[in-house]
Amino acid sequence: MKRVRRYFERGNMFPLFLVASSILAIATMAGYEILPHLSEPVARIRIEPATASVETGQLLTVRVVVDSSVPVNVFGGELHFNKDVLAVDGISYNTSIADLWAIRPWYSNGEGTLNFGGGTTRTGGFTGSDTLLTVMFKTIGDGGGSVTLDNIQILLSDGLGTRAAIGEPIDALFTVITPQQIDDRDTLLTYSVAEKFPSTDLNGDNVQGIADLSIFMLNVTTQNKRSDFNGDGDVDTKDLSILLSAKK
């Protein structure tokens, strides 16, 4: 061992090369990768818009968008949607990306699924960001209308059918509300901003009596707005009527 160490210390690198080569050969035979291939995502499929709020009975247009930084030519996958809230009303797939469909987009509202598989015949494939297909949903119920992507595949335009390294698909969540819910929300908003008029319990004893009447008579002469029960800016007989009709 000392001889080997002295051999290395004298600058003889050839044995190091042999050792490294041997390790690499053994690792290769064993099926290990000394330098693993780290693939950064180069393509992705996403849904636009990612969020929205619509009423029941309305149409909701959703786009399936492809982003790719390298030439690709085949796109496939599944789209899942909440069948109790959304129903496919139509599909538009004659887009600038895909001009050849191996699996024309087809859907099942009963299962809440939509499948697609298409590609482009353009020279050099597709690079950039564009719409692969457009789905028109009809909102049939209120609640959360999630739309998710699954089993996404994107192939490189290399003539070999190589799968592109893809990023996590971007899904969407839509909120569907009934017109009645909107009316209720507006009513609550109206109540929340309603003006509060002064209490007729002027002395604060929780009893409606002659003491409150006495304070009111003084407030009439001074026009103290504490007794302006109807909020019209004047303390007068109208306010007196409100005081006298207050619950005893």
Protein backbone atom coordinates (compact mmCIF):
# COMPACT_ATOMS: atom_id res chain seq x y z
CA MET A 1 0.00 0.00 0.00
CA LYS A 2 2.89 2.41 0.82
CA ARG A 3 4.43 1.70 -2.57
CA VAL A 4 1.16 2.55 -4.30
CA ARG A 5 0.84 5.81 -2.37
CA ARG A 6 4.44 6.79 -3.22
CA TYR A 7 3.72 5.92 -6.84
CA PHE A 8 0.77 8.36 -6.92
CA GLU A 9 2.73 11.04 -5.06
CA ARG A 10 5.40 11.00 -7.78
CA GLY A 11 2.72 12.12 -10.26
CA ASN A 12 2.07 8.87 -12.04
CA MET A 13 -1.57 9.24 -13.15
CA PHE A 14 -1.88 6.21 -15.39
CA PRO A 15 -3.04 3.89 -12.59
CA LEU A 16 -5.69 6.47 -11.65
CA PHE A 17 -6.99 6.32 -15.17
CA LEU A 18 -7.11 2.54 -14.99
CA VAL A 19 -8.96 2.70 -11.67
CA ALA A 20 -11.49 5.20 -13.01
CA SER A 21 -12.01 3.16 -16.17
CA SER A 22 -12.53 0.01 -14.15
CA ILE A 23 -15.12 1.70 -11.91
CA LEU A 24 -16.98 3.05 -14.93
CA ALA A 25 -16.97 -0.34 -16.64
CA ILE A 26 -18.24 -2.12 -13.53
CA ALA A 27 -20.95 0.48 -13.02
CA THR A 28 -22.02 0.19 -16.67
CA MET A 29 -22.27 -3.59 -16.47
CA ALA A 30 -24.27 -3.29 -13.26
CA GLY A 31 -26.69 -0.93 -14.92
CA TYR A 32 -25.81 2.16 -12.88
CA GLU A 33 -25.32 5.66 -14.25
CA ILE A 34 -22.31 7.54 -12.85
CA LEU A 35 -23.66 10.80 -14.33
CA PRO A 36 -27.45 10.53 -14.33
CA HIS A 37 -29.31 12.34 -17.09
CA LEU A 38 -31.13 15.25 -15.52
CA SER A 39 -33.98 16.30 -17.85
CA GLU A 40 -35.41 19.74 -17.31
CA PRO A 41 -39.02 20.20 -18.50
CA VAL A 42 -39.12 21.57 -22.03
CA ALA A 43 -42.85 21.32 -22.71
CA ARG A 44 -46.13 21.60 -20.83
CA ILE A 45 -49.89 21.48 -21.38
CA ARG A 46 -52.10 23.79 -19.36
CA ILE A 47 -55.69 25.00 -19.12
CA GLU A 48 -56.77 28.60 -19.60
CA PRO A 49 -58.28 30.32 -17.80
CA ALA A 50 -57.05 28.78 -14.56
CA THR A 51 -59.95 30.22 -12.54
CA ALA A 52 -63.32 31.83 -13.26
CA SER A 53 -66.73 32.42 -11.70
CA VAL A 54 -69.84 31.84 -13.83
CA GLU A 55 -73.58 31.38 -13.41
CA THR A 56 -75.45 28.13 -13.98
CA GLY A 57 -76.86 27.76 -17.48
CA GLN A 58 -74.03 29.79 -19.02
CA LEU A 59 -71.29 28.67 -21.42
CA LEU A 60 -67.71 28.47 -20.22
CA THR A 61 -64.92 28.39 -22.80
CA VAL A 62 -61.73 26.57 -21.82
CA ARG A 63 -58.53 26.36 -23.89
CA VAL A 64 -55.99 23.54 -23.74
CA VAL A 65 -52.67 25.29 -24.38
CA VAL A 66 -49.27 23.82 -25.30
CA ASP A 67 -46.00 25.52 -24.30
CA SER A 68 -42.75 24.14 -25.72
CA SER A 69 -39.21 25.49 -25.89
CA VAL A 70 -38.10 22.74 -28.33
CA PRO A 71 -39.65 21.37 -31.55
CA VAL A 72 -42.44 18.87 -30.78
CA ASN A 73 -45.03 17.27 -33.03
CA VAL A 74 -47.38 14.96 -31.06
CA PHE A 75 -49.70 15.79 -28.15
CA GLY A 76 -51.97 13.45 -26.22
CA GLY A 77 -53.77 13.16 -22.91
CA GLU A 78 -57.01 13.15 -20.97
CA LEU A 79 -59.12 15.92 -19.55
CA HIS A 80 -61.29 15.24 -16.49
CA PHE A 81 -64.11 17.52 -15.34
CA ASN A 82 -66.74 17.61 -12.60
CA LYS A 83 -69.73 16.03 -14.38
CA ASP A 84 -72.18 17.35 -11.78
CA VAL A 85 -71.23 20.95 -12.54
CA LEU A 86 -69.96 20.96 -16.14
CA ALA A 87 -71.04 19.31 -19.40
CA VAL A 88 -69.23 19.51 -22.73
CA ASP A 89 -71.32 21.52 -25.21
CA GLY A 90 -68.82 21.56 -28.09
CA ILE A 91 -65.17 21.12 -29.10
CA SER A 92 -63.03 23.08 -31.56
CA TYR A 93 -59.82 21.28 -32.55
CA ASN A 94 -58.98 22.71 -35.97
CA THR A 95 -56.20 24.83 -34.52
CA SER A 96 -52.87 26.13 -35.73
CA ILE A 97 -50.97 23.50 -33.74
CA ALA A 98 -52.52 20.15 -34.65
CA ASP A 99 -53.54 19.36 -38.25
CA LEU A 100 -53.57 15.59 -37.88
CA TRP A 101 -55.57 13.75 -35.21
CA ALA A 102 -54.87 10.09 -34.47
CA ILE A 103 -57.52 10.30 -31.74
CA ARG A 104 -60.08 12.97 -32.49
CA PRO A 105 -61.19 14.63 -29.26
CA TRP A 106 -64.12 12.69 -27.88
CA TYR A 107 -65.88 13.05 -24.58
CA SER A 108 -68.29 11.43 -22.16
CA ASN A 109 -70.39 13.78 -20.04
CA GLY A 110 -71.55 10.78 -18.06
CA GLU A 111 -67.99 9.99 -16.98
CA GLY A 112 -66.66 13.54 -17.04
CA THR A 113 -63.80 12.75 -19.43
CA LEU A 114 -62.38 14.02 -22.72
CA ASN A 115 -59.55 12.26 -24.61
CA PHE A 116 -57.34 13.70 -27.33
CA GLY A 117 -54.31 12.73 -29.40
CA GLY A 118 -53.06 14.77 -32.31
CA GLY A 119 -50.00 16.13 -34.02
CA THR A 120 -48.59 18.59 -36.49
CA THR A 121 -47.15 17.86 -39.93
CA ARG A 122 -45.40 21.20 -40.21
CA THR A 123 -41.73 21.06 -41.07
CA GLY A 124 -39.61 21.36 -37.94
CA GLY A 125 -42.52 20.67 -35.58
CA PHE A 126 -44.09 23.18 -33.17
CA THR A 127 -42.27 25.55 -30.87
CA GLY A 128 -43.81 28.31 -28.75
CA SER A 129 -47.20 28.71 -27.06
CA ASP A 130 -50.58 28.17 -28.70
CA THR A 131 -54.02 26.57 -28.32
CA LEU A 132 -54.27 22.85 -29.03
CA LEU A 133 -58.05 22.64 -28.67
CA THR A 134 -60.96 24.62 -27.25
CA VAL A 135 -63.73 23.10 -25.13
CA MET A 136 -67.08 24.78 -24.56
CA PHE A 137 -68.69 23.71 -21.29
CA LYS A 138 -72.26 24.36 -20.21
CA THR A 139 -72.64 24.94 -16.48
CA ILE A 140 -75.34 22.58 -15.23
CA GLY A 141 -74.95 22.83 -11.44
CA ASP A 142 -73.46 25.04 -8.80
CA GLY A 143 -70.25 24.30 -6.92
CA GLY A 144 -66.63 23.71 -7.84
CA GLY A 145 -66.11 22.81 -11.48
CA SER A 146 -62.58 21.39 -11.55
CA VAL A 147 -60.92 20.62 -14.89
CA THR A 148 -57.73 18.55 -14.69
CA LEU A 149 -55.22 17.03 -17.13
CA ASP A 150 -53.92 13.46 -16.92
CA ASN A 151 -51.70 11.02 -18.87
CA ILE A 152 -50.09 13.86 -20.81
CA GLN A 153 -47.64 12.90 -23.56
CA ILE A 154 -45.64 15.22 -25.83
CA LEU A 155 -43.18 13.82 -28.38
CA LEU A 156 -40.14 15.51 -29.83
CA SER A 157 -40.03 16.26 -33.53
CA ASP A 158 -36.91 14.14 -34.00
CA GLY A 159 -38.28 11.34 -36.17
CA LEU A 160 -37.72 8.86 -33.34
CA GLY A 161 -40.84 9.32 -31.25
CA THR A 162 -38.80 10.48 -28.26
CA ARG A 163 -40.84 11.67 -25.32
CA ALA A 164 -40.23 15.26 -24.33
CA ALA A 165 -39.47 16.10 -20.72
CA ILE A 166 -42.74 17.69 -19.63
CA GLY A 167 -43.60 19.85 -16.65
CA GLU A 168 -46.57 19.32 -14.36
CA PRO A 169 -49.80 20.13 -16.23
CA ILE A 170 -51.62 23.23 -14.99
CA ASP A 171 -55.24 22.47 -14.10
CA ALA A 172 -58.18 24.81 -13.49
CA LEU A 173 -60.93 25.35 -10.92
CA PHE A 174 -64.15 27.17 -11.77
CA THR A 175 -66.84 28.34 -9.36
CA VAL A 176 -70.39 28.02 -10.63
CA ILE A 177 -73.11 29.92 -8.75
CA THR A 178 -76.85 30.25 -9.28
CA PRO A 179 -78.47 33.63 -10.05
CA GLN A 180 -80.30 33.34 -6.72
CA GLN A 181 -76.97 33.20 -4.91
CA ILE A 182 -75.97 36.42 -6.64
CA ASP A 183 -79.26 38.09 -5.60
CA ASP A 184 -78.74 36.96 -2.00
CA ARG A 185 -75.19 38.28 -2.03
CA ASP A 186 -76.38 41.66 -3.31
CA THR A 187 -79.11 41.76 -0.66
CA LEU A 188 -76.64 41.04 2.10
CA LEU A 189 -74.41 43.78 0.74
CA THR A 190 -77.33 46.20 0.81
CA TYR A 191 -78.07 45.32 4.40
CA SER A 192 -74.46 45.73 5.42
CA VAL A 193 -74.29 49.31 4.18
CA ALA A 194 -77.73 50.38 5.40
CA GLU A 195 -77.63 53.47 7.59
CA LYS A 196 -78.32 53.01 11.28
CA PHE A 197 -80.66 55.61 12.81
CA PRO A 198 -80.42 56.77 16.45
CA SER A 199 -82.22 54.73 19.08
CA THR A 200 -85.32 56.20 20.68
CA ASP A 201 -83.99 55.03 24.07
CA LEU A 202 -82.43 58.43 24.70
CA ASN A 203 -81.40 57.88 28.32
CA GLY A 204 -80.11 54.36 27.75
CA ASP A 205 -82.10 52.66 30.52
CA ASN A 206 -83.63 50.08 28.13
CA VAL A 207 -87.06 51.44 29.01
CA GLN A 208 -89.19 53.53 26.64
CA GLY A 209 -90.79 56.14 28.89
CA ILE A 210 -91.39 59.74 29.89
CA ALA A 211 -87.68 60.37 30.56
CA ASP A 212 -86.97 59.83 26.85
CA LEU A 213 -89.78 62.27 25.99
CA SER A 214 -88.28 64.90 28.28
CA ILE A 215 -84.85 64.56 26.63
CA PHE A 216 -86.46 64.75 23.21
CA MET A 217 -88.21 68.07 24.03
CA LEU A 218 -84.82 69.56 24.91
CA ASN A 219 -83.28 68.19 21.71
CA VAL A 220 -86.00 69.81 19.63
CA THR A 221 -84.95 73.27 20.80
CA THR A 222 -81.24 72.59 20.26
CA GLN A 223 -81.74 70.48 17.12
CA ASN A 224 -79.59 67.77 18.66
CA LYS A 225 -79.30 65.09 15.97
CA ARG A 226 -79.39 62.46 18.70
CA SER A 227 -83.16 62.75 18.35
CA ASP A 228 -83.22 62.77 14.53
CA PHE A 229 -84.76 59.30 14.39
CA ASN A 230 -85.64 59.34 10.68
CA GLY A 231 -82.31 60.79 9.54
CA ASP A 232 -83.76 63.68 7.53
CA GLY A 233 -81.54 66.27 9.20
CA ASP A 234 -84.29 67.86 11.35
CA VAL A 235 -85.58 67.12 14.84
CA ASP A 236 -89.33 67.70 14.56
CA THR A 237 -92.80 66.21 14.93
CA LYS A 238 -91.90 63.32 12.62
CA ASP A 239 -89.27 62.22 15.09
CA LEU A 240 -91.74 62.76 17.95
CA SER A 241 -94.17 60.42 16.21
CA ILE A 242 -91.44 57.78 15.93
CA LEU A 243 -90.64 58.18 19.65
CA LEU A 244 -94.28 57.89 20.73
CA SER A 245 -94.88 54.81 18.56
CA ALA A 246 -91.76 53.07 19.85
CA LYS A 247 -92.30 49.86 21.80
CA LYS A 248 -93.03 50.57 25.44
